[in-house]
Amino acid sequence: MHDQPPAPAPELFTWEFASDPYPAYAWLREHAPVHRATLPSGVEAWLVTRYADARQALADQRLSKNPAHHDEPAHAKGKTGIPGERKAELMTHLLNIDPPDHTRLRRLVSKAFTPRRVAEFAPRVQELTDRLIDGFAREGSADLIHEFAFPLPIYAICDLLGVPPEDQDDFRDWAGMMIRHGGGPRGGVARSVKKMRGYLAELIHRKRGEPGDDLISGLIRASDHGEHLTENEAAAMAFILLFAGFETTVNLIGNGMYALLRHPGQRERLQTSLAAGERGLLETGVEELLRFDGPVEMATWRYAMEPLTIGGQEIPAGDPVLVVLAAADRDPARFAGPDTLDLSRRDNQHLGYGHGIHYCIGAPLARLEGQAALATLLTRLPDLRLAGDPADLRWRGGLIMRGLRTLPVEFTPLAN
C-alpha cells in the first residue's frame, strides 16, 4: 500500500471558490492551518482556519485592529479594511480601534443593544417583515435578496438609529451602492460612504436640538454626560453600526434561506415546529445556519503588533491576519458532522459573531431579524422553492462577507 500523495493545494479566491469555499478550507485546516495567502488585492495575509487557533487569535490582544500597525509596502496602502472608509475619515470606529478607546466607545453603544431594547424592537421588526412580504406575496415569485433580505435590516437599523421615514429610501440607495462593491461605477462605494457620512453628521446635529428615543440621541446624551463622543466619532459609530449590522443580516437571511431550500428535510422540521407554535428549533436553527454558511466568511483585519505564534506558525510583527470564521465553524475537531446542517444542534459555540472584546455587539438584533425573517417566510409562503438552477446563482465578491447576489424563488401567490 502506497500512501496517497496529498491532494494539491486548492486555488483560493476564484469564482468556483466563491460558490463553495468549504472544500478548500477543509484542505487548509488539514495541511496548512495558518497559511500565508496573496489576496486578490495583492496584499499578503495569514489565513487562520482551525477552530482552536481562530478562537485564540480573535481574543489575542497582540493582534491589533488598528491599520496603523500594518507594516505595508506603499502599493498596498488602503487595500485593507472597509472600501472607501479611509477617504471618508471613518477610521475611528469600533471595528478598527483597540482599548482603551474601544472600551469607551463600546460601552456607549452597548446601551442600545440591551436585551430589553431589542425585545422592545421585536414588534417593529415583525411589522417590517410582513410589510416587505406583502409587497411580493401576490406575485408568485420574488428575488429574496433584493425584495426582502436587503431592505429589512436597512429599514430596521434606520428606525433604530432614528433616521426619519422620509429619508430611509436614500439610505437604501446608498447602502445598495456600498454592497455592490465592484458592481457599480468606479468610486461609487466611496461616494456613497461620503453621502451617508455627511447625512449622519447632519442628523446628529439636528438631534442635538431635538433628541428622540433612538440610538443617535442616546449616543449624544451619553457624550453630553461627559463621555466625550465627538460628532465625528458619533457619525463614524452610526455608520459602522449600519455597515456592520446591514450586510451581515442581508447575508444571514439570504444564506440561511438558501440552505433551508437546499435541505428540504430540515426545512420541513422547522415548518412543523413553527406550525405547532414552538420557538426552540427556530432559535437553535438560526445559530446552526450561522455556523453552517454564515454571513461573515472572515473576521475583519487584524495586525500583529509583535512577533507571535499561532497554531505553531510564527507570524512577524506588522503582518495582517485574517481569521477564517467559515473554516473554523466547520472544523471536525470542534463540531460533530460539521458539513451536516442540523437545526437542532445544541453544542454550537460557533464563531459567527466573533469572540473576545470585538464580539458582535449587534448579535441580539441580528438573531431577532434572522428569526423573524425566516419564520415569517416559511409560515406565510409554505411552498417557497428555488427558481432556476442553484449552479446559476452568483456570490458577491469580497473577502470579509459571504452572500448571494440574488435568490430567485417561486411560491403559490397569496390572495388579497
Protein backbone atom coordinates (compact mmCIF):
# COMPACT_ATOMS: atom_id res chain seq x y z
CA MET A 1 0.00 0.00 0.00
CA HIS A 2 1.44 3.34 -1.06
CA ASP A 3 0.39 6.43 0.84
CA GLN A 4 -1.80 8.64 -1.30
CA PRO A 5 0.05 11.88 -2.13
CA PRO A 6 -1.82 14.83 -0.60
CA ALA A 7 -4.26 16.49 -2.96
CA PRO A 8 -2.73 19.63 -4.49
CA ALA A 9 -3.35 22.92 -2.69
CA PRO A 10 -6.69 24.38 -3.79
CA GLU A 11 -6.92 27.66 -5.68
CA LEU A 12 -8.33 30.40 -3.48
CA PHE A 13 -10.44 33.42 -4.49
CA THR A 14 -11.68 32.07 -7.84
CA TRP A 15 -15.35 32.04 -8.92
CA GLU A 16 -15.57 28.34 -8.06
CA PHE A 17 -14.09 29.03 -4.65
CA ALA A 18 -16.63 31.81 -4.05
CA SER A 19 -19.57 29.46 -4.73
CA ASP A 20 -18.27 26.82 -2.34
CA PRO A 21 -15.12 27.65 -0.35
CA TYR A 22 -15.61 24.80 2.13
CA PRO A 23 -13.56 22.05 0.38
CA ALA A 24 -10.61 24.48 0.08
CA TYR A 25 -10.94 25.40 3.75
CA ALA A 26 -11.02 21.71 4.70
CA TRP A 27 -7.72 21.24 2.81
CA LEU A 28 -6.16 24.26 4.55
CA ARG A 29 -7.32 23.11 8.01
CA GLU A 30 -5.62 19.79 7.43
CA HIS A 31 -2.45 20.75 5.54
CA ALA A 32 -1.76 24.44 6.16
CA PRO A 33 -3.88 25.62 9.11
CA VAL A 34 -2.12 29.01 9.30
CA HIS A 35 -1.47 29.82 5.66
CA ARG A 36 0.12 32.85 4.03
CA ALA A 37 -2.00 33.78 1.02
CA THR A 38 -1.87 36.52 -1.58
CA LEU A 39 -5.29 38.15 -1.63
CA PRO A 40 -6.96 39.42 -4.81
CA SER A 41 -5.82 42.96 -3.87
CA GLY A 42 -2.17 41.84 -3.92
CA VAL A 43 -1.85 42.15 -0.12
CA GLU A 44 -0.37 39.12 1.65
CA ALA A 45 -2.09 37.93 4.82
CA TRP A 46 -2.16 34.90 7.11
CA LEU A 47 -5.36 32.83 6.98
CA VAL A 48 -6.21 31.05 10.26
CA THR A 49 -8.56 28.12 9.60
CA ARG A 50 -8.76 25.82 12.66
CA TYR A 51 -11.33 26.47 15.39
CA ALA A 52 -8.97 26.45 18.38
CA ASP A 53 -6.46 28.75 16.63
CA ALA A 54 -9.23 31.02 15.38
CA ARG A 55 -10.76 31.42 18.82
CA GLN A 56 -7.35 32.15 20.32
CA ALA A 57 -6.49 34.70 17.61
CA LEU A 58 -9.83 36.54 17.95
CA ALA A 59 -9.12 37.17 21.63
CA ASP A 60 -5.35 37.83 21.29
CA GLN A 61 -4.62 41.40 22.39
CA ARG A 62 -1.34 41.33 20.44
CA LEU A 63 -3.38 41.32 17.25
CA SER A 64 -4.45 44.92 16.82
CA LYS A 65 -7.48 46.10 14.87
CA ASN A 66 -5.79 49.39 14.07
CA PRO A 67 -4.47 49.52 10.47
CA ALA A 68 -1.69 51.82 11.68
CA HIS A 69 0.03 48.58 12.81
CA HIS A 70 0.12 47.18 9.26
CA ASP A 71 3.67 47.01 8.02
CA GLU A 72 2.54 47.57 4.44
CA PRO A 73 4.51 48.31 1.28
CA ALA A 74 3.46 51.51 -0.50
CA HIS A 75 1.47 49.64 -3.17
CA ALA A 76 -0.77 48.06 -0.53
CA LYS A 77 -1.78 51.32 1.15
CA GLY A 78 -5.53 51.50 1.63
CA LYS A 79 -6.17 47.93 0.47
CA THR A 80 -7.15 46.63 3.88
CA GLY A 81 -10.29 47.46 5.81
CA ILE A 82 -13.68 48.59 4.52
CA PRO A 83 -13.89 50.05 0.98
CA GLY A 84 -13.98 53.84 0.97
CA GLU A 85 -13.58 54.28 4.71
CA ARG A 86 -10.13 55.89 4.69
CA LYS A 87 -11.16 58.64 2.33
CA ALA A 88 -14.26 59.35 4.35
CA GLU A 89 -12.45 59.80 7.68
CA LEU A 90 -14.16 56.76 9.07
CA MET A 91 -11.18 55.33 10.83
CA THR A 92 -12.45 55.98 14.35
CA HIS A 93 -14.92 53.19 14.73
CA LEU A 94 -15.29 50.02 16.75
CA LEU A 95 -14.02 47.67 14.06
CA ASN A 96 -10.53 49.11 13.95
CA ILE A 97 -9.64 50.55 17.29
CA ASP A 98 -8.12 48.94 20.36
CA PRO A 99 -8.63 49.57 24.09
CA PRO A 100 -8.92 52.00 25.83
CA ASP A 101 -10.83 53.89 23.07
CA HIS A 102 -12.60 50.71 22.05
CA THR A 103 -13.73 50.06 25.63
CA ARG A 104 -15.16 53.57 25.98
CA LEU A 105 -16.99 53.62 22.64
CA ARG A 106 -18.30 50.09 23.03
CA ARG A 107 -19.70 50.87 26.47
CA LEU A 108 -21.68 53.74 24.94
CA VAL A 109 -23.12 51.71 22.10
CA SER A 110 -23.87 48.62 24.14
CA LYS A 111 -26.65 50.62 25.83
CA ALA A 112 -28.54 50.46 22.53
CA PHE A 113 -28.36 46.69 22.28
CA THR A 114 -29.52 45.60 25.72
CA PRO A 115 -31.83 42.56 25.58
CA ARG A 116 -34.65 44.81 26.81
CA ARG A 117 -34.22 47.33 23.98
CA VAL A 118 -34.00 44.59 21.38
CA ALA A 119 -37.12 42.89 22.80
CA GLU A 120 -38.99 46.21 22.59
CA PHE A 121 -37.96 46.40 18.95
CA ALA A 122 -39.34 42.93 18.08
CA PRO A 123 -42.88 44.07 17.06
CA ARG A 124 -41.36 46.67 14.72
CA VAL A 125 -39.14 44.04 13.06
CA GLN A 126 -42.18 41.78 12.62
CA GLU A 127 -44.17 44.65 11.09
CA LEU A 128 -41.34 45.42 8.61
CA THR A 129 -41.02 41.72 7.75
CA ASP A 130 -44.74 41.40 7.00
CA ARG A 131 -44.85 44.65 5.02
CA LEU A 132 -41.99 43.51 2.76
CA ILE A 133 -43.60 40.08 2.18
CA ASP A 134 -46.93 41.83 1.41
CA GLY A 135 -45.04 43.67 -1.35
CA PHE A 136 -44.45 40.50 -3.39
CA ALA A 137 -46.78 37.83 -1.90
CA ARG A 138 -49.36 38.19 -4.71
CA GLU A 139 -46.75 37.84 -7.47
CA GLY A 140 -45.89 34.17 -7.06
CA SER A 141 -42.18 34.90 -7.45
CA ALA A 142 -39.53 37.20 -5.96
CA ASP A 143 -35.83 37.83 -5.59
CA LEU A 144 -35.49 37.31 -1.87
CA ILE A 145 -32.24 39.30 -1.69
CA HIS A 146 -33.41 42.43 -3.45
CA GLU A 147 -37.02 42.49 -2.26
CA PHE A 148 -36.62 41.14 1.26
CA ALA A 149 -33.22 40.34 2.83
CA PHE A 150 -31.72 43.64 1.67
CA PRO A 151 -34.41 46.17 2.71
CA LEU A 152 -35.32 44.52 6.04
CA PRO A 153 -32.13 45.30 8.00
CA ILE A 154 -31.79 48.72 6.31
CA TYR A 155 -35.21 49.86 7.49
CA ALA A 156 -34.72 48.23 10.89
CA ILE A 157 -31.39 49.93 11.53
CA CYS A 158 -32.73 53.25 10.21
CA ASP A 159 -35.54 53.01 12.77
CA LEU A 160 -33.07 52.12 15.48
CA LEU A 161 -30.72 55.00 14.62
CA GLY A 162 -33.62 57.45 14.33
CA VAL A 163 -33.45 58.19 10.59
CA PRO A 164 -36.82 59.81 9.71
CA PRO A 165 -39.05 57.66 7.42
CA GLU A 166 -38.84 60.19 4.57
CA ASP A 167 -35.03 59.77 4.40
CA GLN A 168 -34.93 55.98 4.62
CA ASP A 169 -35.11 55.34 0.86
CA ASP A 170 -31.99 57.49 0.36
CA PHE A 171 -30.30 55.25 2.88
CA ARG A 172 -31.47 52.21 0.95
CA ASP A 173 -29.87 53.60 -2.24
CA TRP A 174 -26.54 54.43 -0.56
CA ALA A 175 -26.43 51.03 1.09
CA GLY A 176 -27.12 49.43 -2.28
CA MET A 177 -24.08 51.17 -3.73
CA MET A 178 -21.93 50.05 -0.81
CA ILE A 179 -22.95 46.41 -1.12
CA ARG A 180 -22.33 46.24 -4.87
CA HIS A 181 -18.54 46.51 -4.41
CA GLY A 182 -17.11 46.38 -7.88
CA GLY A 183 -20.55 46.15 -9.46
CA GLY A 184 -21.19 49.89 -9.59
CA PRO A 185 -19.32 52.82 -11.15
CA ARG A 186 -15.73 53.40 -10.08
CA GLY A 187 -15.53 55.28 -6.81
CA GLY A 188 -19.21 54.60 -6.18
CA VAL A 189 -18.61 52.98 -2.81
CA ALA A 190 -16.51 55.88 -1.53
CA ARG A 191 -19.10 58.38 -2.82
CA SER A 192 -21.97 56.56 -1.11
CA VAL A 193 -19.97 56.32 2.11
CA LYS A 194 -19.33 60.05 1.92
CA LYS A 195 -23.00 60.91 1.34
CA MET A 196 -24.12 58.68 4.15
CA ARG A 197 -21.44 60.07 6.40
CA GLY A 198 -22.46 63.65 5.60
CA TYR A 199 -26.10 62.82 6.22
CA LEU A 200 -25.33 61.22 9.59
CA ALA A 201 -23.26 64.21 10.70
CA GLU A 202 -26.19 66.48 9.84
CA LEU A 203 -28.69 64.19 11.59
CA ILE A 204 -26.54 64.19 14.74
CA HIS A 205 -26.53 67.96 14.61
CA ARG A 206 -30.34 68.05 14.28
CA LYS A 207 -30.85 65.57 17.12
CA ARG A 208 -28.71 67.65 19.46
CA GLY A 209 -31.54 70.17 19.27
CA GLU A 210 -34.43 67.69 19.26
CA PRO A 211 -33.37 64.37 20.78
CA GLY A 212 -35.70 61.35 20.49
CA ASP A 213 -35.75 57.83 21.89
CA ASP A 214 -33.35 56.49 19.26
CA LEU A 215 -29.76 55.30 19.17
CA ILE A 216 -28.23 58.51 17.83
CA SER A 217 -30.00 60.56 20.52
CA GLY A 218 -28.70 58.05 23.06
CA LEU A 219 -25.13 58.49 21.80
CA ILE A 220 -25.49 62.26 22.00
CA ARG A 221 -26.94 62.10 25.51
CA ALA A 222 -24.11 59.88 26.65
CA SER A 223 -21.50 62.20 25.18
CA ASP A 224 -23.18 65.22 26.77
CA HIS A 225 -22.87 63.44 30.12
CA GLY A 226 -19.14 63.66 29.99
CA GLU A 227 -18.41 60.57 27.91
CA HIS A 228 -16.94 62.85 25.22
CA LEU A 229 -18.07 61.31 22.00
CA THR A 230 -17.09 63.81 19.32
CA GLU A 231 -19.56 64.45 16.48
CA ASN A 232 -17.04 62.76 14.23
CA GLU A 233 -16.96 59.68 16.45
CA ALA A 234 -20.75 59.65 16.70
CA ALA A 235 -21.12 59.78 12.90
CA ALA A 236 -18.46 57.08 12.45
CA MET A 237 -20.20 54.99 15.08
CA ALA A 238 -23.62 55.34 13.46
CA PHE A 239 -22.04 54.44 10.14
CA ILE A 240 -20.32 51.32 11.41
CA LEU A 241 -23.49 50.10 13.12
CA LEU A 242 -25.20 50.49 9.79
CA PHE A 243 -22.36 48.87 7.87
CA ALA A 244 -21.78 46.04 10.33
CA GLY A 245 -25.47 45.48 11.00
CA PHE A 246 -26.72 45.60 7.49
CA GLU A 247 -24.75 43.48 5.02
CA THR A 248 -24.27 40.78 7.67
CA THR A 249 -28.04 40.49 8.20
CA VAL A 250 -28.74 40.51 4.44
CA ASN A 251 -26.40 37.51 4.18
CA LEU A 252 -27.75 35.78 7.30
CA ILE A 253 -31.26 35.82 5.81
CA GLY A 254 -30.12 35.05 2.24
CA ASN A 255 -27.63 32.26 3.06
CA GLY A 256 -29.98 30.88 5.72
CA MET A 257 -32.98 30.69 3.39
CA TYR A 258 -30.82 29.20 0.63
CA ALA A 259 -29.53 26.49 2.99
CA LEU A 260 -33.11 25.64 4.03
CA LEU A 261 -34.21 25.43 0.39
CA ARG A 262 -31.33 23.01 -0.30
CA HIS A 263 -32.13 20.87 2.78
CA PRO A 264 -35.86 20.09 2.49
CA GLY A 265 -35.88 17.66 5.42
CA GLN A 266 -34.52 20.28 7.84
CA ARG A 267 -36.83 22.93 6.45
CA GLU A 268 -39.87 20.64 6.94
CA ARG A 269 -38.87 20.03 10.56
CA LEU A 270 -38.72 23.78 11.10
CA GLN A 271 -42.07 24.41 9.41
CA THR A 272 -43.74 21.69 11.50
CA SER A 273 -42.26 23.12 14.67
CA LEU A 274 -43.37 26.68 13.77
CA ALA A 275 -46.88 25.44 12.92
CA ALA A 276 -47.06 23.92 16.41
CA GLY A 277 -46.24 27.34 17.87
CA GLU A 278 -42.78 26.32 19.09
CA ARG A 279 -39.71 28.59 19.00
CA GLY A 280 -36.96 26.23 20.18
CA LEU A 281 -35.99 24.82 16.78
CA LEU A 282 -36.09 28.30 15.22
CA GLU A 283 -33.65 29.56 17.87
CA THR A 284 -31.14 26.70 17.56
CA GLY A 285 -31.77 26.69 13.80
CA VAL A 286 -30.66 30.28 13.23
CA GLU A 287 -27.47 29.57 15.21
CA GLU A 288 -26.85 26.47 13.08
CA LEU A 289 -27.38 28.44 9.85
CA LEU A 290 -24.81 30.96 11.12
CA ARG A 291 -22.37 28.13 11.68
CA PHE A 292 -23.12 26.19 8.51
CA ASP A 293 -22.87 29.00 5.95
CA GLY A 294 -22.59 32.23 7.89
CA PRO A 295 -22.71 35.81 6.62
CA VAL A 296 -19.13 36.69 7.59
CA GLU A 297 -16.53 34.49 5.92
CA MET A 298 -13.50 36.11 7.57
CA ALA A 299 -13.26 38.26 10.67
CA THR A 300 -12.19 41.83 9.97
CA TRP A 301 -8.49 42.64 9.58
CA ARG A 302 -6.04 42.22 12.43
CA TYR A 303 -2.34 43.15 12.52
CA ALA A 304 0.44 41.56 14.59
CA MET A 305 1.85 44.23 16.92
CA GLU A 306 4.82 42.00 17.78
CA PRO A 307 6.11 38.65 16.51
CA LEU A 308 3.77 35.88 17.67
CA THR A 309 2.93 32.23 17.06
CA ILE A 310 -0.49 30.91 16.04
CA GLY A 311 -1.00 27.19 15.55
CA GLY A 312 2.75 26.60 15.55
CA GLN A 313 3.31 29.19 12.80
CA GLU A 314 5.49 32.22 13.52
CA ILE A 315 3.97 35.49 12.36
CA PRO A 316 6.22 38.55 12.03
CA ALA A 317 5.23 41.92 13.52
CA GLY A 318 3.23 44.07 11.10
CA ASP A 319 1.69 41.17 9.18
CA PRO A 320 -2.07 41.12 8.59
CA VAL A 321 -4.01 38.14 10.00
CA LEU A 322 -7.44 37.06 8.76
CA VAL A 323 -9.35 34.60 10.93
CA VAL A 324 -11.47 32.46 8.61
CA LEU A 325 -14.70 32.01 10.56
CA ALA A 326 -16.22 29.90 7.77
CA ALA A 327 -13.37 27.39 8.09
CA ALA A 328 -13.27 27.36 11.89
CA ASP A 329 -17.03 26.78 12.11
CA ARG A 330 -16.72 23.55 10.09
CA ASP A 331 -13.73 22.18 11.99
CA PRO A 332 -14.39 18.47 12.72
CA ALA A 333 -12.13 18.79 15.78
CA ARG A 334 -14.83 21.03 17.30
CA PHE A 335 -18.16 20.12 15.65
CA ALA A 336 -19.54 16.61 15.10
CA GLY A 337 -20.56 16.17 11.45
CA PRO A 338 -19.54 19.76 10.63
CA ASP A 339 -20.71 19.61 6.99
CA THR A 340 -24.19 18.45 8.02
CA LEU A 341 -26.93 21.02 8.60
CA ASP A 342 -28.66 20.08 11.86
CA LEU A 343 -31.10 22.75 13.03
CA SER A 344 -31.39 21.14 16.46
CA ARG A 345 -27.61 21.17 17.09
CA ARG A 346 -27.13 22.04 20.77
CA ASP A 347 -23.36 22.13 21.20
CA ASN A 348 -22.85 25.07 18.90
CA GLN A 349 -20.26 27.58 20.12
CA HIS A 350 -19.84 28.90 16.57
CA LEU A 351 -17.66 31.95 15.87
CA GLY A 352 -20.19 33.60 13.54
CA TYR A 353 -20.37 36.63 15.85
CA GLY A 354 -16.67 36.58 16.62
CA HIS A 355 -15.17 36.12 20.08
CA GLY A 356 -13.39 38.28 22.66
CA ILE A 357 -13.68 42.05 23.08
CA HIS A 358 -14.81 42.54 19.47
CA TYR A 359 -17.70 40.04 19.81
CA CYS A 360 -20.55 41.36 17.66
CA ILE A 361 -22.40 43.96 19.72
CA GLY A 362 -25.48 43.67 17.49
CA ALA A 363 -25.82 39.88 17.88
CA PRO A 364 -29.18 40.13 19.74
CA LEU A 365 -30.64 42.28 16.95
CA ALA A 366 -29.25 40.00 14.20
CA ARG A 367 -30.80 36.98 15.92
CA LEU A 368 -34.13 38.77 16.19
CA GLU A 369 -34.12 39.80 12.50
CA GLY A 370 -32.95 36.37 11.30
CA GLN A 371 -35.59 34.54 13.33
CA ALA A 372 -38.43 36.87 12.30
CA ALA A 373 -37.45 36.80 8.61
CA LEU A 374 -37.08 33.02 8.24
CA ALA A 375 -40.08 32.10 10.41
CA THR A 376 -42.40 34.53 8.60
CA LEU A 377 -41.29 33.48 5.11
CA LEU A 378 -41.72 29.78 5.91
CA THR A 379 -45.10 30.33 7.56
CA ARG A 380 -46.64 32.73 5.05
CA LEU A 381 -45.16 31.16 1.89
CA PRO A 382 -45.04 27.48 2.89
CA ASP A 383 -44.27 26.10 -0.59
CA LEU A 384 -41.41 28.51 -1.27
CA ARG A 385 -38.92 26.93 -3.71
CA LEU A 386 -35.80 27.93 -5.58
CA ALA A 387 -36.48 29.24 -9.10
CA GLY A 388 -33.83 28.10 -11.56
CA ASP A 389 -30.63 26.13 -11.17
CA PRO A 390 -28.52 26.60 -8.00
CA ALA A 391 -25.43 26.47 -10.27
CA ASP A 392 -26.54 29.78 -11.83
CA LEU A 393 -26.52 31.63 -8.51
CA ARG A 394 -23.66 34.09 -8.04
CA TRP A 395 -21.99 35.02 -4.78
CA ARG A 396 -20.86 38.60 -4.20
CA GLY A 397 -17.13 39.16 -4.45
CA GLY A 398 -15.24 40.50 -1.45
CA LEU A 399 -13.17 38.93 1.27
CA ILE A 400 -14.96 39.52 4.52
CA MET A 401 -18.62 38.89 3.72
CA ARG A 402 -20.24 35.86 2.16
CA GLY A 403 -23.60 36.40 0.46
CA LEU A 404 -25.67 35.76 -2.65
CA ARG A 405 -26.24 38.47 -5.26
CA THR A 406 -29.76 37.16 -5.94
CA LEU A 407 -32.03 34.43 -4.60
CA PRO A 408 -34.92 33.89 -7.06
CA VAL A 409 -37.85 31.95 -5.59
CA GLU A 410 -41.35 30.84 -6.61
CA PHE A 411 -44.41 30.08 -4.50
CA THR A 412 -48.19 29.93 -4.67
CA PRO A 413 -49.34 33.58 -4.80
CA LEU A 414 -51.28 34.75 -1.76
CA ALA A 415 -54.76 36.10 -2.41
CA ASN A 416 -55.53 39.66 -1.27
